[in-house]
Amino acid sequence: MKEESENNPEFWELRLYVAGQTPKSITAFANLKRLCEEHLAGKYHIEVIDLLENPKLARGDQILALPTLVRKLPEPIRKIIGDLSNTDRVLVGLDLRPRQVTSTKGE
């Protein structure tokens, strides 16, 4: 899988850090899978890291809260904390949708 991501700049490498099979972890994975299928079909790889099984892995990406999604590729690295239920926030956080610019004209 690594070769595919290195050869294809459009390939997305995502890591989801969780702590066991909690409702929030399960929801985060389901939301992430749905968003990837809708916006990145065939161009992504999700690695789920359970910190209950491998707590030392939290250091590498400086994980402070769970669940946390880390976009490894394309660079720059991005992090989103939570169950990923706010679709707009996740799409903006992953740079799949531009930030909405609010106009202050007339105020």
C-alpha atoms as a PDB file:
ATOM      1  CA  MET A   1       0.000   0.000   0.000  1.00  0.00           C
ATOM      2  CA  LYS A   2       2.919   2.346   0.703  1.00  0.00           C
ATOM      3  CA  GLU A   3       4.139   2.157  -2.903  1.00  0.00           C
ATOM      4  CA  GLU A   4       0.725   3.141  -4.193  1.00  0.00           C
ATOM      5  CA  SER A   5       0.638   6.281  -2.008  1.00  0.00           C
ATOM      6  CA  GLU A   6       4.182   7.289  -2.975  1.00  0.00           C
ATOM      7  CA  ASN A   7       3.458   6.880  -6.696  1.00  0.00           C
ATOM      8  CA  ASN A   8       0.122   8.695  -6.575  1.00  0.00           C
ATOM      9  CA  PRO A   9       0.097  12.230  -5.141  1.00  0.00           C
ATOM     10  CA  GLU A  10      -3.700  12.088  -5.075  1.00  0.00           C
ATOM     11  CA  PHE A  11      -3.664   9.152  -2.624  1.00  0.00           C
ATOM     12  CA  TRP A  12      -4.802   9.880   0.949  1.00  0.00           C
ATOM     13  CA  GLU A  13      -3.242   8.149   3.938  1.00  0.00           C
ATOM     14  CA  LEU A  14      -5.412   8.522   7.055  1.00  0.00           C
ATOM     15  CA  ARG A  15      -4.926   7.296  10.619  1.00  0.00           C
ATOM     16  CA  LEU A  16      -7.755   7.085  13.105  1.00  0.00           C
ATOM     17  CA  TYR A  17      -6.662   6.839  16.732  1.00  0.00           C
ATOM     18  CA  VAL A  18      -9.242   5.277  19.057  1.00  0.00           C
ATOM     19  CA  ALA A  19      -9.431   3.750  22.534  1.00  0.00           C
ATOM     20  CA  GLY A  20     -11.232   0.434  22.130  1.00  0.00           C
ATOM     21  CA  GLN A  21     -14.620  -0.191  20.554  1.00  0.00           C
ATOM     22  CA  THR A  22     -16.470   2.660  22.251  1.00  0.00           C
ATOM     23  CA  PRO A  23     -19.602   4.130  20.653  1.00  0.00           C
ATOM     24  CA  LYS A  24     -17.616   7.294  19.822  1.00  0.00           C
ATOM     25  CA  SER A  25     -14.823   5.265  18.178  1.00  0.00           C
ATOM     26  CA  ILE A  26     -17.286   3.216  16.139  1.00  0.00           C
ATOM     27  CA  THR A  27     -19.147   6.358  15.058  1.00  0.00           C
ATOM     28  CA  ALA A  28     -15.887   8.082  14.091  1.00  0.00           C
ATOM     29  CA  PHE A  29     -14.843   5.141  11.893  1.00  0.00           C
ATOM     30  CA  ALA A  30     -18.277   4.899  10.252  1.00  0.00           C
ATOM     31  CA  ASN A  31     -18.333   8.645   9.550  1.00  0.00           C
ATOM     32  CA  LEU A  32     -14.782   8.570   8.174  1.00  0.00           C
ATOM     33  CA  LYS A  33     -15.527   5.586   5.920  1.00  0.00           C
ATOM     34  CA  ARG A  34     -18.658   7.294   4.565  1.00  0.00           C
ATOM     35  CA  LEU A  35     -16.842  10.575   3.857  1.00  0.00           C
ATOM     36  CA  CYS A  36     -13.961   8.767   2.157  1.00  0.00           C
ATOM     37  CA  GLU A  37     -16.306   6.767  -0.070  1.00  0.00           C
ATOM     38  CA  GLU A  38     -18.185   9.944  -1.039  1.00  0.00           C
ATOM     39  CA  HIS A  39     -15.159  12.189  -1.640  1.00  0.00           C
ATOM     40  CA  LEU A  40     -12.067   9.976  -2.102  1.00  0.00           C
ATOM     41  CA  ALA A  41     -13.389   6.723  -3.578  1.00  0.00           C
ATOM     42  CA  GLY A  42     -10.474   4.451  -4.445  1.00  0.00           C
ATOM     43  CA  LYS A  43      -7.881   7.031  -3.376  1.00  0.00           C
ATOM     44  CA  TYR A  44      -7.503   6.429   0.356  1.00  0.00           C
ATOM     45  CA  HIS A  45      -6.207   4.065   3.008  1.00  0.00           C
ATOM     46  CA  ILE A  46      -7.464   4.142   6.610  1.00  0.00           C
ATOM     47  CA  GLU A  47      -5.303   2.765   9.398  1.00  0.00           C
ATOM     48  CA  VAL A  48      -7.106   2.375  12.726  1.00  0.00           C
ATOM     49  CA  ILE A  49      -4.825   2.471  15.758  1.00  0.00           C
ATOM     50  CA  ASP A  50      -6.291   1.304  19.056  1.00  0.00           C
ATOM     51  CA  LEU A  51      -4.324   2.988  21.820  1.00  0.00           C
ATOM     52  CA  LEU A  52      -5.622   0.495  24.393  1.00  0.00           C
ATOM     53  CA  GLU A  53      -3.563  -2.122  22.532  1.00  0.00           C
ATOM     54  CA  ASN A  54      -0.596   0.107  21.572  1.00  0.00           C
ATOM     55  CA  PRO A  55      -0.475   3.203  23.835  1.00  0.00           C
ATOM     56  CA  LYS A  56       3.081   4.117  22.744  1.00  0.00           C
ATOM     57  CA  LEU A  57       1.845   4.854  19.226  1.00  0.00           C
ATOM     58  CA  ALA A  58       0.169   8.047  20.490  1.00  0.00           C
ATOM     59  CA  ARG A  59       3.546   9.777  20.818  1.00  0.00           C
ATOM     60  CA  GLY A  60       4.407   9.730  17.120  1.00  0.00           C
ATOM     61  CA  ASP A  61       1.457  11.891  16.080  1.00  0.00           C
ATOM     62  CA  GLN A  62       1.181  13.680  19.460  1.00  0.00           C
ATOM     63  CA  ILE A  63      -2.327  12.406  20.188  1.00  0.00           C
ATOM     64  CA  LEU A  64      -3.940  14.192  23.142  1.00  0.00           C
ATOM     65  CA  ALA A  65      -7.633  13.298  22.743  1.00  0.00           C
ATOM     66  CA  LEU A  66      -9.601  10.422  21.236  1.00  0.00           C
ATOM     67  CA  PRO A  67     -10.840   9.704  18.706  1.00  0.00           C
ATOM     68  CA  THR A  68      -8.397  11.686  16.538  1.00  0.00           C
ATOM     69  CA  LEU A  69      -8.055  11.529  12.770  1.00  0.00           C
ATOM     70  CA  VAL A  70      -4.614  12.294  11.322  1.00  0.00           C
ATOM     71  CA  ARG A  71      -4.166  12.994   7.630  1.00  0.00           C
ATOM     72  CA  LYS A  72      -0.624  11.788   6.863  1.00  0.00           C
ATOM     73  CA  LEU A  73      -0.822  12.262   3.090  1.00  0.00           C
ATOM     74  CA  PRO A  74      -1.195  14.496   1.238  1.00  0.00           C
ATOM     75  CA  GLU A  75       0.947  16.821   3.286  1.00  0.00           C
ATOM     76  CA  PRO A  76       0.695  18.936   5.354  1.00  0.00           C
ATOM     77  CA  ILE A  77      -0.383  16.693   8.223  1.00  0.00           C
ATOM     78  CA  ARG A  78      -3.816  17.610   9.601  1.00  0.00           C
ATOM     79  CA  LYS A  79      -5.620  16.479  12.762  1.00  0.00           C
ATOM     80  CA  ILE A  80      -9.316  16.398  13.571  1.00  0.00           C
ATOM     81  CA  ILE A  81     -10.557  15.446  17.035  1.00  0.00           C
ATOM     82  CA  GLY A  82     -13.976  13.934  17.714  1.00  0.00           C
ATOM     83  CA  ASP A  83     -16.422  11.455  16.208  1.00  0.00           C
ATOM     84  CA  LEU A  84     -16.301  13.174  12.781  1.00  0.00           C
ATOM     85  CA  SER A  85     -20.080  13.709  12.779  1.00  0.00           C
ATOM     86  CA  ASN A  86     -19.789  17.356  11.673  1.00  0.00           C
ATOM     87  CA  THR A  87     -19.329  16.666   7.962  1.00  0.00           C
ATOM     88  CA  ASP A  88     -18.576  20.278   6.969  1.00  0.00           C
ATOM     89  CA  ARG A  89     -15.937  20.628   9.686  1.00  0.00           C
ATOM     90  CA  VAL A  90     -14.259  17.366   8.652  1.00  0.00           C
ATOM     91  CA  LEU A  91     -14.257  18.254   4.941  1.00  0.00           C
ATOM     92  CA  VAL A  92     -12.746  21.676   5.687  1.00  0.00           C
ATOM     93  CA  GLY A  93     -10.250  20.129   8.119  1.00  0.00           C
ATOM     94  CA  LEU A  94      -9.103  17.638   5.484  1.00  0.00           C
ATOM     95  CA  ASP A  95      -8.974  20.367   2.803  1.00  0.00           C
ATOM     96  CA  LEU A  96     -11.663  18.647   0.757  1.00  0.00           C
ATOM     97  CA  ARG A  97     -13.840  21.755   0.941  1.00  0.00           C
ATOM     98  CA  PRO A  98     -12.697  25.384   1.194  1.00  0.00           C
ATOM     99  CA  ARG A  99     -13.405  27.313   4.358  1.00  0.00           C
ATOM    100  CA  GLN A 100     -16.530  29.445   4.169  1.00  0.00           C
ATOM    101  CA  VAL A 101     -15.602  33.122   4.206  1.00  0.00           C
ATOM    102  CA  THR A 102     -18.185  35.160   6.044  1.00  0.00           C
ATOM    103  CA  SER A 103     -18.690  38.641   4.734  1.00  0.00           C
ATOM    104  CA  THR A 104     -18.738  41.542   7.177  1.00  0.00           C
ATOM    105  CA  LYS A 105     -19.975  44.111   4.658  1.00  0.00           C
ATOM    106  CA  GLY A 106     -22.595  46.426   6.011  1.00  0.00           C
ATOM    107  CA  GLU A 107     -21.980  45.501   9.647  1.00  0.00           C
END
